[in-house]
Amino acid sequence: MMKKYDSACCIFLFLLLLIYLAPSNGWLDTSELSSASFLLGIGHPPGQPLYSLVIKFFELVPLGNISFRGNLASAIFLILSFLFYLKIRNAIFKDFHLYGVTSTLIGLYFFLSYSFMIQGVRHELYSLNLFLCMAVIYFVFCKKYPMLVFFIAGLALGCHHLLIFLILPGLLLVLLSYERRVSFYQRGLFFFLLGSSIFLYLPLRAQIEPIYNFGSPSNFDSFIWVISGALYKSFKEINLSLMFSNIANVSSLFVKQTNIFFFIGGIAGLFVWSFKNFFPGIAFILILIANVSIELLNQFFDDGNPDLHGYLMVSFIVISLGFSYLFLFLLNQVKEKTSSWKWKVYSYGIVVSLVFSMFFQIFQSKDLYNKRNDWSAPFFGRNIIKDLPFNSLIIAGSFGTFSILNYLVFTGNFRNDIKLIYSGFLANSGYRTNIEKNYPGIEFPKEIKLLVIYVPYVDIQCF
């Protein structure tokens, strides 16, 4: 049963997310994910079949516009992730005195950072992915429903397969500490494959050629191309100088999002934890190393990119738990050597300090994740297409621009007479031939910086 302070923290976090929630579609992948889920299409690699199906359910709720419903779903999954954080805390810190309110506030402090809040106010998959990761971690540590662990892990591949794979080695170590029967893992493999069968959505849906059909994974080769993420090359090369540079970048990001006290304390706490309780401590160290290592290979590291923060959310969770362990361990040492009245003074002082730190965290980063009045993406798209002639064809040179316009036309039902093409798809000869057949005489420019507007039988305007 949840404590009152746990419930109060959850309500506070949810209200804060509602205050700063984006009102509509946005930049980067948010417009694309809104359209792909609403139209039950196929988004950019690796396709995100689970995310599309889950968010489609939320988009059926008659509340605000389509993208707002997806934004609200992100907020809900971030709250559910926090609830699982509390359940994990209860499972592993139950032997500490007064572990509850202190570790709850520490966890909330991390969830109030930009890295978490930006994922909870916009239409993105990282909140759902974090929820699934936290569920898997919880069920492993509480030693309940082991086959459900394998099933959820397989299912989570359909949200973001790389991020779920990064936590599995550490969790497998914990499983091996209390279960070593081969038959157990044979059954686990069956449920893992059953969960991962969510990917069958991609070729089945591609057969009917939905409006959003990135990569058209209707055959084996294109299916592998989509789910492997072969389109992206930011993690493919191992460069030692790049790795050392990114170690500094990742460390700087952690310190910026928390502070150096929480960061160093979290790392130290993980090692103390592994010394006192080997398997849980080492498991979380492995999860942290795996989660961070992928960013050390990132050729395009940019801490201003909110997606990068999404990749590191599990790392923040691990550091938060490490800091909580160290903090509570030291508190118990102090309590044994302190009189009762002094201990009360210390306890209240610690709680007040953590509350102050939380509000400082909010005021420090709220302007970065405040999306409540951000209509820039839909206004940008509307200004492009509102005055175009009937049945105009737009060739977008930027996938972001294509996604925003696509959302307005197909999801927002604004100017649905307009036809949209992404220039990157023109490399497909069949796709290109079909366009030329439907628009006789069309000429494709060699270079498209932003977009090309083709008004049938009139001219081509390049921008």
Protein backbone atom coordinates (compact mmCIF):
# COMPACT_ATOMS: atom_id res chain seq x y z
CA MET A 1 0.00 0.00 0.00
CA MET A 2 1.30 3.46 -0.93
CA LYS A 3 2.24 5.90 1.79
CA LYS A 4 0.59 9.33 1.84
CA TYR A 5 3.84 11.07 0.90
CA ASP A 6 4.26 8.72 -2.09
CA SER A 7 0.75 9.56 -3.30
CA ALA A 8 1.35 13.28 -2.73
CA CYS A 9 4.56 13.17 -4.79
CA CYS A 10 2.82 11.32 -7.65
CA ILE A 11 -0.02 13.84 -7.72
CA PHE A 12 2.44 16.73 -7.61
CA LEU A 13 4.44 15.32 -10.52
CA PHE A 14 1.31 14.67 -12.59
CA LEU A 15 -0.06 18.18 -12.01
CA LEU A 16 3.28 19.65 -13.03
CA LEU A 17 3.25 17.60 -16.23
CA LEU A 18 -0.30 18.79 -17.01
CA ILE A 19 0.75 22.41 -16.51
CA TYR A 20 3.60 22.15 -19.00
CA LEU A 21 2.02 19.66 -21.43
CA ALA A 22 2.32 20.49 -25.13
CA PRO A 23 -1.07 21.47 -26.64
CA SER A 24 -0.54 19.88 -30.06
CA ASN A 25 2.04 18.32 -32.36
CA GLY A 26 5.64 19.48 -32.23
CA TRP A 27 9.01 19.27 -33.93
CA LEU A 28 11.37 16.34 -34.43
CA ASP A 29 9.59 12.96 -34.27
CA THR A 30 6.45 14.02 -32.40
CA SER A 31 4.36 14.86 -35.48
CA GLU A 32 5.43 11.66 -37.21
CA LEU A 33 4.63 9.48 -34.20
CA SER A 34 1.23 11.15 -33.82
CA SER A 35 0.35 10.40 -37.44
CA ALA A 36 1.85 6.91 -37.52
CA SER A 37 -0.13 5.82 -34.45
CA PHE A 38 -3.39 7.52 -35.43
CA LEU A 39 -3.30 6.12 -38.97
CA LEU A 40 -1.94 2.75 -37.73
CA GLY A 41 0.98 3.19 -40.06
CA ILE A 42 4.68 2.45 -39.78
CA GLY A 43 6.99 5.08 -38.37
CA HIS A 44 10.72 5.52 -38.86
CA PRO A 45 12.97 2.52 -38.06
CA PRO A 46 12.68 0.37 -36.05
CA GLY A 47 8.95 0.85 -36.67
CA GLN A 48 7.71 1.06 -33.03
CA PRO A 49 4.72 -1.31 -33.47
CA LEU A 50 3.92 -1.52 -29.74
CA TYR A 51 4.09 2.24 -29.32
CA SER A 52 1.77 2.84 -32.28
CA LEU A 53 -0.83 0.37 -30.99
CA VAL A 54 -0.73 1.61 -27.38
CA ILE A 55 -0.95 5.29 -28.33
CA LYS A 56 -3.76 4.55 -30.80
CA PHE A 57 -5.83 3.53 -27.78
CA PHE A 58 -5.20 6.91 -26.11
CA GLU A 59 -5.92 8.76 -29.36
CA LEU A 60 -9.44 7.33 -29.36
CA VAL A 61 -10.24 9.29 -26.18
CA PRO A 62 -12.25 12.41 -27.15
CA LEU A 63 -10.03 14.92 -25.35
CA GLY A 64 -8.29 17.74 -27.21
CA ASN A 65 -6.61 17.18 -30.57
CA ILE A 66 -4.99 13.92 -31.64
CA SER A 67 -1.45 14.89 -30.70
CA PHE A 68 -2.53 16.27 -27.32
CA ARG A 69 -3.87 12.82 -26.46
CA GLY A 70 -0.47 11.32 -27.25
CA ASN A 71 1.20 14.02 -25.14
CA LEU A 72 -1.11 13.11 -22.27
CA ALA A 73 -0.21 9.43 -22.70
CA SER A 74 3.48 10.35 -22.28
CA ALA A 75 2.66 12.11 -19.00
CA ILE A 76 0.70 9.10 -17.75
CA PHE A 77 3.49 6.65 -18.56
CA LEU A 78 6.03 8.87 -16.82
CA ILE A 79 3.86 8.81 -13.69
CA LEU A 80 3.55 5.02 -13.96
CA SER A 81 7.35 4.84 -14.27
CA PHE A 82 7.66 6.83 -11.05
CA LEU A 83 5.24 4.43 -9.34
CA PHE A 84 7.41 1.50 -10.41
CA TYR A 85 10.45 3.41 -9.14
CA LEU A 86 8.77 3.52 -5.73
CA LYS A 87 7.96 -0.20 -5.91
CA ILE A 88 11.59 -1.01 -6.80
CA ARG A 89 12.68 1.18 -3.89
CA ASN A 90 10.37 -0.73 -1.54
CA ALA A 91 11.77 -4.06 -2.73
CA ILE A 92 15.45 -3.24 -2.29
CA PHE A 93 15.57 -0.67 0.55
CA LYS A 94 13.10 -2.23 2.98
CA ASP A 95 15.79 -2.95 5.58
CA PHE A 96 16.62 0.74 6.05
CA HIS A 97 14.96 2.87 8.72
CA LEU A 98 13.00 5.84 7.38
CA TYR A 99 13.85 4.81 3.82
CA GLY A 100 10.47 5.93 2.50
CA VAL A 101 10.15 9.70 2.45
CA THR A 102 13.86 10.30 1.89
CA SER A 103 14.23 7.97 -1.10
CA THR A 104 10.87 9.16 -2.51
CA LEU A 105 12.10 12.74 -2.55
CA ILE A 106 15.43 11.70 -4.07
CA GLY A 107 13.61 9.85 -6.82
CA LEU A 108 11.25 12.78 -7.42
CA TYR A 109 14.24 15.12 -7.65
CA PHE A 110 15.57 13.08 -10.58
CA PHE A 111 12.15 12.83 -12.25
CA LEU A 112 11.84 16.62 -12.10
CA SER A 113 14.97 17.09 -14.20
CA TYR A 114 14.75 18.18 -17.82
CA SER A 115 15.81 14.71 -18.99
CA PHE A 116 12.56 13.22 -17.62
CA MET A 117 10.10 16.10 -17.86
CA ILE A 118 10.73 16.76 -21.56
CA GLN A 119 9.69 13.16 -22.29
CA GLY A 120 6.48 13.55 -20.28
CA VAL A 121 5.15 16.69 -21.97
CA ARG A 122 5.43 15.65 -25.62
CA HIS A 123 4.41 12.84 -27.95
CA GLU A 124 7.44 10.55 -27.69
CA LEU A 125 8.12 6.89 -26.94
CA TYR A 126 10.64 7.31 -24.12
CA SER A 127 8.08 7.48 -21.29
CA LEU A 128 6.45 4.24 -22.41
CA ASN A 129 9.88 2.65 -22.85
CA LEU A 130 10.92 3.71 -19.34
CA PHE A 131 7.68 2.29 -17.93
CA LEU A 132 8.36 -1.08 -19.57
CA CYS A 133 11.99 -1.11 -18.39
CA MET A 134 10.93 -0.28 -14.83
CA ALA A 135 8.29 -3.01 -14.90
CA VAL A 136 10.88 -5.59 -16.00
CA ILE A 137 13.36 -4.45 -13.34
CA TYR A 138 10.71 -4.59 -10.62
CA PHE A 139 9.47 -8.09 -11.43
CA VAL A 140 13.06 -9.40 -11.56
CA PHE A 141 13.94 -7.98 -8.14
CA CYS A 142 10.70 -8.92 -6.41
CA LYS A 143 11.01 -12.47 -7.83
CA LYS A 144 7.39 -12.53 -8.98
CA TYR A 145 5.85 -13.64 -12.27
CA PRO A 146 9.15 -14.65 -13.94
CA MET A 147 7.54 -15.54 -17.26
CA LEU A 148 5.88 -12.13 -17.31
CA VAL A 149 9.39 -10.63 -17.17
CA PHE A 150 10.37 -12.40 -20.38
CA PHE A 151 7.08 -11.53 -22.08
CA ILE A 152 7.27 -7.82 -21.22
CA ALA A 153 10.93 -7.73 -22.30
CA GLY A 154 9.99 -9.19 -25.68
CA LEU A 155 7.00 -6.87 -26.00
CA ALA A 156 9.15 -3.85 -25.11
CA LEU A 157 11.28 -4.48 -28.20
CA GLY A 158 8.31 -3.09 -30.11
CA CYS A 159 8.81 0.27 -28.41
CA HIS A 160 12.59 0.73 -28.55
CA HIS A 161 14.53 -2.50 -28.90
CA LEU A 162 17.98 -1.04 -28.24
CA LEU A 163 17.05 0.46 -24.87
CA ILE A 164 15.44 -2.72 -23.56
CA PHE A 165 18.41 -4.83 -24.69
CA LEU A 166 20.75 -2.58 -22.69
CA ILE A 167 19.15 -3.55 -19.35
CA LEU A 168 18.93 -7.30 -20.00
CA PRO A 169 22.55 -8.36 -19.16
CA GLY A 170 22.34 -6.89 -15.66
CA LEU A 171 18.92 -8.38 -15.00
CA LEU A 172 20.02 -11.77 -16.31
CA LEU A 173 22.75 -11.75 -13.65
CA VAL A 174 20.11 -11.25 -10.95
CA LEU A 175 17.95 -14.04 -12.40
CA LEU A 176 20.92 -16.40 -12.42
CA SER A 177 21.53 -15.66 -8.74
CA TYR A 178 18.29 -17.40 -7.76
CA GLU A 179 17.24 -19.48 -10.78
CA ARG A 180 19.60 -21.71 -12.76
CA ARG A 181 17.36 -24.40 -14.21
CA VAL A 182 17.71 -24.73 -17.99
CA SER A 183 13.98 -25.45 -18.33
CA PHE A 184 13.23 -22.06 -16.73
CA TYR A 185 15.15 -20.20 -19.44
CA GLN A 186 13.69 -22.38 -22.17
CA ARG A 187 10.19 -21.35 -21.09
CA GLY A 188 11.44 -17.78 -20.71
CA LEU A 189 12.71 -17.78 -24.30
CA PHE A 190 9.28 -18.90 -25.50
CA PHE A 191 7.55 -16.00 -23.72
CA PHE A 192 10.23 -13.56 -24.89
CA LEU A 193 9.63 -14.60 -28.52
CA LEU A 194 5.88 -14.45 -27.93
CA GLY A 195 6.21 -10.85 -26.78
CA SER A 196 8.53 -9.91 -29.64
CA SER A 197 5.97 -11.25 -32.13
CA ILE A 198 4.52 -7.72 -31.91
CA PHE A 199 6.86 -6.99 -34.84
CA LEU A 200 4.59 -9.05 -37.11
CA TYR A 201 2.44 -5.94 -37.14
CA LEU A 202 4.95 -4.31 -39.51
CA PRO A 203 4.79 -6.69 -42.53
CA LEU A 204 1.08 -7.35 -42.01
CA ARG A 205 0.24 -3.67 -41.95
CA ALA A 206 2.63 -2.87 -44.81
CA GLN A 207 0.72 -5.26 -47.06
CA ILE A 208 -2.22 -2.85 -47.22
CA GLU A 209 0.08 0.14 -47.87
CA PRO A 210 -1.02 2.55 -45.13
CA ILE A 211 -0.53 6.29 -45.60
CA TYR A 212 2.43 6.20 -43.23
CA ASN A 213 4.61 3.34 -44.44
CA PHE A 214 8.26 4.10 -43.70
CA GLY A 215 10.48 1.55 -45.43
CA SER A 216 7.46 -0.48 -46.58
CA PRO A 217 8.51 -3.66 -44.66
CA SER A 218 6.27 -5.97 -46.67
CA ASN A 219 9.10 -8.36 -47.63
CA PHE A 220 11.91 -9.92 -45.62
CA ASP A 221 14.72 -7.59 -46.76
CA SER A 222 12.80 -4.38 -46.11
CA PHE A 223 11.52 -5.79 -42.79
CA ILE A 224 15.10 -6.43 -41.62
CA TRP A 225 16.12 -2.97 -42.87
CA VAL A 226 13.40 -1.34 -40.77
CA ILE A 227 13.81 -3.27 -37.50
CA SER A 228 17.63 -3.16 -37.61
CA GLY A 229 17.68 0.62 -37.79
CA ALA A 230 20.20 0.44 -40.65
CA LEU A 231 19.16 3.96 -41.64
CA TYR A 232 21.04 5.41 -38.70
CA LYS A 233 24.82 5.47 -38.53
CA SER A 234 25.51 7.52 -35.41
CA PHE A 235 26.56 4.46 -33.34
CA LYS A 236 28.42 2.36 -35.89
CA GLU A 237 32.07 3.38 -35.64
CA ILE A 238 34.33 2.89 -32.62
CA ASN A 239 36.61 5.88 -32.21
CA LEU A 240 38.70 6.12 -29.04
CA SER A 241 39.12 9.89 -29.17
CA LEU A 242 35.36 10.24 -29.67
CA MET A 243 34.71 7.91 -26.72
CA PHE A 244 36.92 9.93 -24.37
CA SER A 245 35.28 13.13 -25.52
CA ASN A 246 31.82 11.67 -24.95
CA ILE A 247 32.79 10.43 -21.47
CA ALA A 248 33.27 14.09 -20.57
CA ASN A 249 30.05 15.01 -22.39
CA VAL A 250 27.94 12.37 -20.62
CA SER A 251 29.43 13.22 -17.21
CA SER A 252 28.72 16.90 -17.83
CA LEU A 253 25.13 16.09 -18.79
CA PHE A 254 24.58 14.05 -15.61
CA VAL A 255 26.00 16.84 -13.44
CA LYS A 256 23.96 19.48 -15.26
CA GLN A 257 20.71 17.54 -14.84
CA THR A 258 21.22 16.67 -11.17
CA ASN A 259 24.32 18.24 -9.60
CA ILE A 260 27.80 16.98 -8.84
CA PHE A 261 26.76 15.94 -5.29
CA PHE A 262 24.03 13.60 -6.56
CA PHE A 263 26.14 12.32 -9.45
CA ILE A 264 29.26 11.39 -7.45
CA GLY A 265 27.14 10.12 -4.57
CA GLY A 266 25.15 7.93 -6.96
CA ILE A 267 28.26 6.34 -8.47
CA ALA A 268 29.82 5.80 -5.03
CA GLY A 269 26.56 4.35 -3.74
CA LEU A 270 26.50 1.72 -6.49
CA PHE A 271 29.92 0.44 -5.43
CA VAL A 272 28.97 0.43 -1.74
CA TRP A 273 25.79 -1.40 -2.70
CA SER A 274 27.68 -4.06 -4.68
CA PHE A 275 30.04 -4.56 -1.72
CA LYS A 276 27.17 -5.02 0.74
CA ASN A 277 24.81 -6.90 -1.58
CA PHE A 278 26.70 -8.20 -4.59
CA PHE A 279 24.11 -9.22 -7.19
CA PRO A 280 21.76 -6.19 -7.06
CA GLY A 281 24.65 -3.73 -6.91
CA ILE A 282 26.61 -5.31 -9.77
CA ALA A 283 23.43 -5.69 -11.83
CA PHE A 284 22.72 -1.96 -11.67
CA ILE A 285 26.37 -1.15 -12.43
CA LEU A 286 26.12 -3.32 -15.57
CA ILE A 287 22.88 -1.59 -16.57
CA LEU A 288 24.52 1.81 -16.13
CA ILE A 289 27.62 0.84 -18.12
CA ALA A 290 25.56 -0.63 -20.98
CA ASN A 291 23.19 2.35 -21.06
CA VAL A 292 25.98 4.92 -21.09
CA SER A 293 28.28 3.01 -23.46
CA ILE A 294 25.92 3.44 -26.39
CA GLU A 295 26.21 7.22 -26.03
CA LEU A 296 30.00 7.01 -25.88
CA LEU A 297 29.86 5.81 -29.50
CA ASN A 298 27.47 8.54 -30.60
CA GLN A 299 29.07 10.63 -33.33
CA PHE A 300 26.41 13.34 -33.01
CA PHE A 301 26.30 13.87 -29.25
CA ASP A 302 24.18 16.93 -28.52
CA ASP A 303 22.79 17.46 -25.03
CA GLY A 304 20.30 19.90 -26.53
CA ASN A 305 18.62 17.01 -28.34
CA PRO A 306 15.79 15.73 -26.08
CA ASP A 307 16.03 12.26 -27.67
CA LEU A 308 19.52 11.84 -26.24
CA HIS A 309 18.09 12.44 -22.77
CA GLY A 310 15.50 9.76 -23.48
CA TYR A 311 18.28 7.25 -24.10
CA LEU A 312 19.81 8.02 -20.70
CA MET A 313 16.67 7.91 -18.52
CA VAL A 314 17.45 4.43 -17.18
CA SER A 315 20.97 5.63 -16.33
CA PHE A 316 19.47 8.42 -14.21
CA ILE A 317 17.27 5.85 -12.45
CA VAL A 318 20.34 3.75 -11.60
CA ILE A 319 22.28 6.75 -10.29
CA SER A 320 19.23 7.80 -8.26
CA LEU A 321 19.00 4.35 -6.65
CA GLY A 322 22.76 4.36 -6.01
CA PHE A 323 22.56 7.75 -4.32
CA SER A 324 19.54 6.63 -2.27
CA TYR A 325 21.41 3.53 -1.10
CA LEU A 326 24.48 5.52 -0.02
CA PHE A 327 22.40 8.23 1.63
CA LEU A 328 20.24 5.79 3.56
CA PHE A 329 23.25 3.67 4.52
CA LEU A 330 24.95 6.74 6.01
CA LEU A 331 21.74 7.84 7.72
CA ASN A 332 21.47 4.48 9.46
CA GLN A 333 25.06 4.80 10.66
CA VAL A 334 24.32 8.25 12.06
CA LYS A 335 21.07 7.13 13.71
CA GLU A 336 22.85 4.42 15.70
CA LYS A 337 25.16 7.04 17.25
CA THR A 338 22.71 9.91 17.74
CA SER A 339 20.21 10.68 20.49
CA SER A 340 16.52 10.63 19.57
CA TRP A 341 15.95 14.42 19.66
CA LYS A 342 19.02 15.12 17.56
CA TRP A 343 17.95 12.47 15.10
CA LYS A 344 14.55 14.16 14.69
CA VAL A 345 16.27 17.47 13.98
CA TYR A 346 18.54 15.81 11.43
CA SER A 347 15.62 13.99 9.79
CA TYR A 348 13.49 17.10 9.38
CA GLY A 349 16.51 19.03 8.14
CA ILE A 350 17.21 16.41 5.49
CA VAL A 351 13.59 16.39 4.29
CA VAL A 352 13.48 20.21 4.11
CA SER A 353 16.78 20.24 2.19
CA LEU A 354 15.49 17.70 -0.34
CA VAL A 355 12.23 19.63 -0.82
CA PHE A 356 14.22 22.82 -1.38
CA SER A 357 16.42 20.98 -3.91
CA MET A 358 13.33 19.76 -5.77
CA PHE A 359 11.87 23.25 -6.17
CA PHE A 360 15.26 24.56 -7.22
CA GLN A 361 15.35 21.80 -9.85
CA ILE A 362 11.95 22.91 -11.14
CA PHE A 363 12.83 26.60 -11.40
CA GLN A 364 16.19 25.80 -12.94
CA SER A 365 14.85 23.76 -15.87
CA LYS A 366 11.11 24.49 -16.29
CA ASP A 367 11.66 26.97 -19.14
CA LEU A 368 13.40 24.22 -21.12
CA TYR A 369 10.52 21.74 -20.98
CA ASN A 370 7.59 24.17 -20.79
CA LYS A 371 5.53 23.34 -23.91
CA ARG A 372 2.09 24.58 -22.79
CA ASN A 373 1.99 27.48 -25.29
CA ASP A 374 4.10 25.89 -28.01
CA TRP A 375 2.02 26.03 -31.19
CA SER A 376 5.05 26.74 -33.38
CA ALA A 377 5.03 23.45 -35.33
CA PRO A 378 1.34 23.51 -36.37
CA PHE A 379 1.53 27.26 -37.16
CA PHE A 380 4.62 26.60 -39.30
CA GLY A 381 2.81 23.89 -41.25
CA ARG A 382 -0.42 25.84 -41.64
CA ASN A 383 1.40 28.89 -42.99
CA ILE A 384 2.98 26.75 -45.71
CA ILE A 385 -0.16 25.08 -47.01
CA LYS A 386 -3.14 27.28 -46.11
CA ASP A 387 -3.10 29.38 -49.32
CA LEU A 388 -1.90 26.77 -51.82
CA PRO A 389 -4.07 25.96 -54.84
CA PHE A 390 -6.32 22.92 -54.70
CA ASN A 391 -4.59 19.54 -55.20
CA SER A 392 -1.06 20.93 -54.87
CA LEU A 393 1.81 18.48 -54.48
CA ILE A 394 4.52 19.17 -51.89
CA ILE A 395 7.92 17.47 -51.95
CA ALA A 396 9.56 18.02 -48.56
CA GLY A 397 13.34 17.95 -48.36
CA SER A 398 13.23 17.67 -44.57
CA PHE A 399 11.58 14.71 -42.88
CA GLY A 400 10.63 16.98 -39.99
CA THR A 401 8.76 19.32 -42.34
CA PHE A 402 7.14 16.34 -44.06
CA SER A 403 5.96 14.98 -40.68
CA ILE A 404 4.44 18.29 -39.58
CA LEU A 405 2.57 18.74 -42.87
CA ASN A 406 1.52 15.10 -42.89
CA TYR A 407 0.04 15.46 -39.40
CA LEU A 408 -2.01 18.50 -40.44
CA VAL A 409 -3.28 16.94 -43.67
CA PHE A 410 -4.09 13.40 -42.53
CA THR A 411 -4.50 13.66 -38.77
CA GLY A 412 -5.58 17.26 -38.29
CA ASN A 413 -7.81 17.10 -41.40
CA PHE A 414 -6.48 20.47 -42.63
CA ARG A 415 -6.14 20.83 -46.41
CA ASN A 416 -6.52 17.11 -47.06
CA ASP A 417 -6.64 17.83 -50.80
CA ILE A 418 -2.86 18.33 -50.74
CA LYS A 419 -0.49 15.49 -51.64
CA LEU A 420 2.76 15.06 -49.72
CA ILE A 421 6.04 13.38 -50.62
CA TYR A 422 9.30 13.09 -48.71
CA SER A 423 12.29 13.55 -51.03
CA GLY A 424 14.11 10.70 -49.30
CA PHE A 425 11.50 8.27 -50.66
CA LEU A 426 12.25 9.27 -54.27
CA ALA A 427 15.28 6.97 -54.25
CA ASN A 428 12.75 4.15 -54.57
CA SER A 429 12.28 3.80 -58.35
CA GLY A 430 8.78 2.31 -58.04
CA TYR A 431 7.65 5.15 -55.77
CA ARG A 432 9.13 7.73 -58.13
CA THR A 433 7.50 6.14 -61.21
CA ASN A 434 4.12 6.21 -59.50
CA ILE A 435 4.48 9.95 -58.80
CA GLU A 436 5.46 10.64 -62.41
CA LYS A 437 2.43 8.67 -63.60
CA ASN A 438 0.03 10.65 -61.42
CA TYR A 439 1.67 14.00 -62.21
CA PRO A 440 2.60 14.01 -65.93
CA GLY A 441 5.43 16.36 -66.77
CA ILE A 442 6.70 16.75 -63.23
CA GLU A 443 10.41 17.52 -62.93
CA PHE A 444 12.27 16.66 -59.75
CA PRO A 445 14.95 19.21 -58.75
CA LYS A 446 18.41 17.81 -58.07
CA GLU A 447 18.54 19.51 -54.68
CA ILE A 448 15.68 20.20 -52.26
CA LYS A 449 16.74 22.26 -49.25
CA LEU A 450 13.38 22.66 -47.52
CA LEU A 451 10.49 21.87 -49.84
CA VAL A 452 9.21 22.03 -53.39
CA ILE A 453 5.63 22.99 -54.11
CA TYR A 454 4.26 21.65 -57.37
CA VAL A 455 0.99 23.10 -58.57
CA PRO A 456 -0.39 20.78 -61.27
CA TYR A 457 -0.04 22.16 -64.80
CA VAL A 458 1.48 25.42 -63.47
CA ASP A 459 5.07 25.39 -62.23
CA ILE A 460 7.54 24.28 -59.58
CA GLN A 461 8.49 26.59 -56.73
CA CYS A 462 11.68 25.77 -54.84
CA PHE A 463 12.35 26.88 -51.28
